């Protein structure tokens, strides 16, 4: 296996891992409703309908990333979604640690970092766009 194939397989692994893990959050929101999220958005003085944008970041964008269909754009949307989630929900935890000694926001940080990496690297050859 040559280096280019290895790089493309690694990009595929990153895309599928991030996409599936974020998509599970989106499916949970579709099943459970968005009232909690729209409430958080309204508490910040913003229109509640903006809470529905989470479906772009947690359903549409992950599907784009998994398929490799404009995966860079999908990854940027996921990254933006994570920044908004950190600002709206997790700001009080930025400097905190969890019970195992890790950063309290390690999951959000991993999602954000992986999304930025995919946005920078691109989807690779094993994708709908095939680049």
Protein backbone atom coordinates (compact mmCIF):
# COMPACT_ATOMS: atom_id res chain seq x y z
CA UNK A 1 0.00 0.00 0.00
CA UNK A 2 1.51 3.32 -1.02
CA UNK A 3 1.62 6.48 1.09
CA UNK A 4 -1.16 8.18 -0.86
CA UNK A 5 -3.52 5.26 -0.24
CA UNK A 6 -2.63 5.29 3.45
CA UNK A 7 -3.36 9.04 3.64
CA UNK A 8 -6.69 8.58 1.88
CA UNK A 9 -7.65 5.72 4.21
CA UNK A 10 -6.72 7.87 7.22
CA UNK A 11 -8.89 10.71 5.91
CA UNK A 12 -11.76 8.25 5.41
CA UNK A 13 -11.33 6.99 8.98
CA UNK A 14 -11.36 10.56 10.35
CA UNK A 15 -14.41 11.48 8.29
CA UNK A 16 -16.47 8.43 9.20
CA UNK A 17 -15.55 8.58 12.89
CA UNK A 18 -16.40 12.27 13.28
CA UNK A 19 -19.47 12.05 11.07
CA UNK A 20 -21.04 9.07 12.81
CA UNK A 21 -20.34 10.37 16.32
CA UNK A 22 -21.80 13.81 15.60
CA UNK A 23 -24.73 12.32 13.65
CA UNK A 24 -25.73 10.29 16.72
CA UNK A 25 -26.16 13.58 18.61
CA UNK A 26 -28.29 14.92 15.77
CA UNK A 27 -30.49 11.82 15.69
CA UNK A 28 -31.01 12.14 19.45
CA UNK A 29 -32.13 15.74 18.95
CA UNK A 30 -34.50 14.71 16.15
CA UNK A 31 -36.01 12.05 18.44
CA UNK A 32 -36.11 14.15 21.61
CA UNK A 33 -37.06 17.52 20.16
CA UNK A 34 -35.27 20.82 20.08
CA UNK A 35 -37.16 22.72 22.77
CA UNK A 36 -34.18 22.71 25.12
CA UNK A 37 -31.91 24.11 22.46
CA UNK A 38 -34.34 26.76 21.29
CA UNK A 39 -34.78 27.73 24.94
CA UNK A 40 -31.00 28.17 25.35
CA UNK A 41 -30.85 30.28 22.19
CA UNK A 42 -33.75 32.46 23.38
CA UNK A 43 -32.09 32.84 26.80
CA UNK A 44 -29.18 34.49 24.96
CA UNK A 45 -31.60 37.01 23.43
CA UNK A 46 -31.60 35.38 20.01
CA UNK A 47 -34.63 34.16 18.04
CA UNK A 48 -35.56 30.60 19.00
CA UNK A 49 -35.70 29.39 15.40
CA UNK A 50 -31.89 29.67 15.30
CA UNK A 51 -31.85 26.61 17.55
CA UNK A 52 -32.91 24.58 14.54
CA UNK A 53 -29.52 25.35 12.96
CA UNK A 54 -28.17 22.58 15.20
CA UNK A 55 -29.74 20.15 12.72
CA UNK A 56 -27.44 21.53 10.03
CA UNK A 57 -24.40 21.00 12.23
CA UNK A 58 -25.44 17.63 13.63
CA UNK A 59 -27.38 15.98 10.79
CA UNK A 60 -26.65 17.56 7.39
CA UNK A 61 -22.95 18.33 7.94
CA UNK A 62 -22.07 14.89 9.34
CA UNK A 63 -23.76 13.23 6.35
CA UNK A 64 -21.66 15.45 4.06
CA UNK A 65 -18.50 14.51 5.95
CA UNK A 66 -19.25 10.76 6.00
CA UNK A 67 -19.94 10.70 2.27
CA UNK A 68 -17.11 13.06 1.42
CA UNK A 69 -19.56 15.30 -0.41
CA UNK A 70 -18.13 18.80 0.01
CA UNK A 71 -16.60 17.42 3.21
CA UNK A 72 -14.55 20.57 3.87
CA UNK A 73 -17.75 22.61 4.05
CA UNK A 74 -19.42 19.96 6.22
CA UNK A 75 -16.41 19.94 8.54
CA UNK A 76 -16.48 23.74 8.86
CA UNK A 77 -20.19 23.54 9.72
CA UNK A 78 -19.43 20.95 12.41
CA UNK A 79 -16.62 23.12 13.79
CA UNK A 80 -18.94 26.14 13.94
CA UNK A 81 -21.59 24.01 15.62
CA UNK A 82 -19.05 22.95 18.25
CA UNK A 83 -17.93 26.54 18.90
CA UNK A 84 -21.56 27.59 19.39
CA UNK A 85 -22.17 24.61 21.70
CA UNK A 86 -19.11 25.49 23.78
CA UNK A 87 -20.17 29.15 24.03
CA UNK A 88 -23.84 28.48 24.80
CA UNK A 89 -23.54 25.40 27.01
CA UNK A 90 -20.01 24.75 28.23
CA UNK A 91 -18.29 28.09 28.94
CA UNK A 92 -18.30 27.40 32.67
CA UNK A 93 -16.35 24.19 32.08
CA UNK A 94 -13.49 25.60 29.98
CA UNK A 95 -10.98 25.39 32.81
CA UNK A 96 -12.44 22.32 34.51
CA UNK A 97 -11.35 18.71 34.71
CA UNK A 98 -13.52 15.60 34.81
CA UNK A 99 -13.43 12.86 37.45
CA UNK A 100 -10.70 10.98 35.59
CA UNK A 101 -8.38 14.01 35.39
CA UNK A 102 -9.11 14.86 31.76
CA UNK A 103 -10.40 18.16 30.44
CA UNK A 104 -14.15 18.52 31.04
CA UNK A 105 -14.58 19.48 27.38
CA UNK A 106 -12.38 16.77 25.88
CA UNK A 107 -15.20 15.40 23.72
CA UNK A 108 -16.13 18.82 22.38
CA UNK A 109 -12.44 19.62 21.89
CA UNK A 110 -11.87 16.37 20.00
CA UNK A 111 -14.89 17.01 17.77
CA UNK A 112 -13.72 20.58 17.09
CA UNK A 113 -10.12 19.59 16.41
CA UNK A 114 -11.08 16.70 14.15
CA UNK A 115 -13.49 18.89 12.19
CA UNK A 116 -10.78 21.51 11.66
CA UNK A 117 -8.34 18.78 10.56
CA UNK A 118 -10.83 17.47 7.98
CA UNK A 119 -11.51 21.00 6.76
CA UNK A 120 -7.78 21.49 6.24
CA UNK A 121 -6.96 18.02 4.83
CA UNK A 122 -9.99 17.53 2.60
CA UNK A 123 -11.94 14.31 2.16
CA UNK A 124 -9.36 12.25 0.29
CA UNK A 125 -9.79 9.95 -2.66
CA UNK A 126 -12.36 7.65 -1.01
CA UNK A 127 -15.20 10.18 -1.14
CA UNK A 128 -18.07 11.27 -3.32
CA UNK A 129 -16.00 14.18 -4.56
CA UNK A 130 -12.99 11.85 -4.94
CA UNK A 131 -10.25 14.41 -4.41
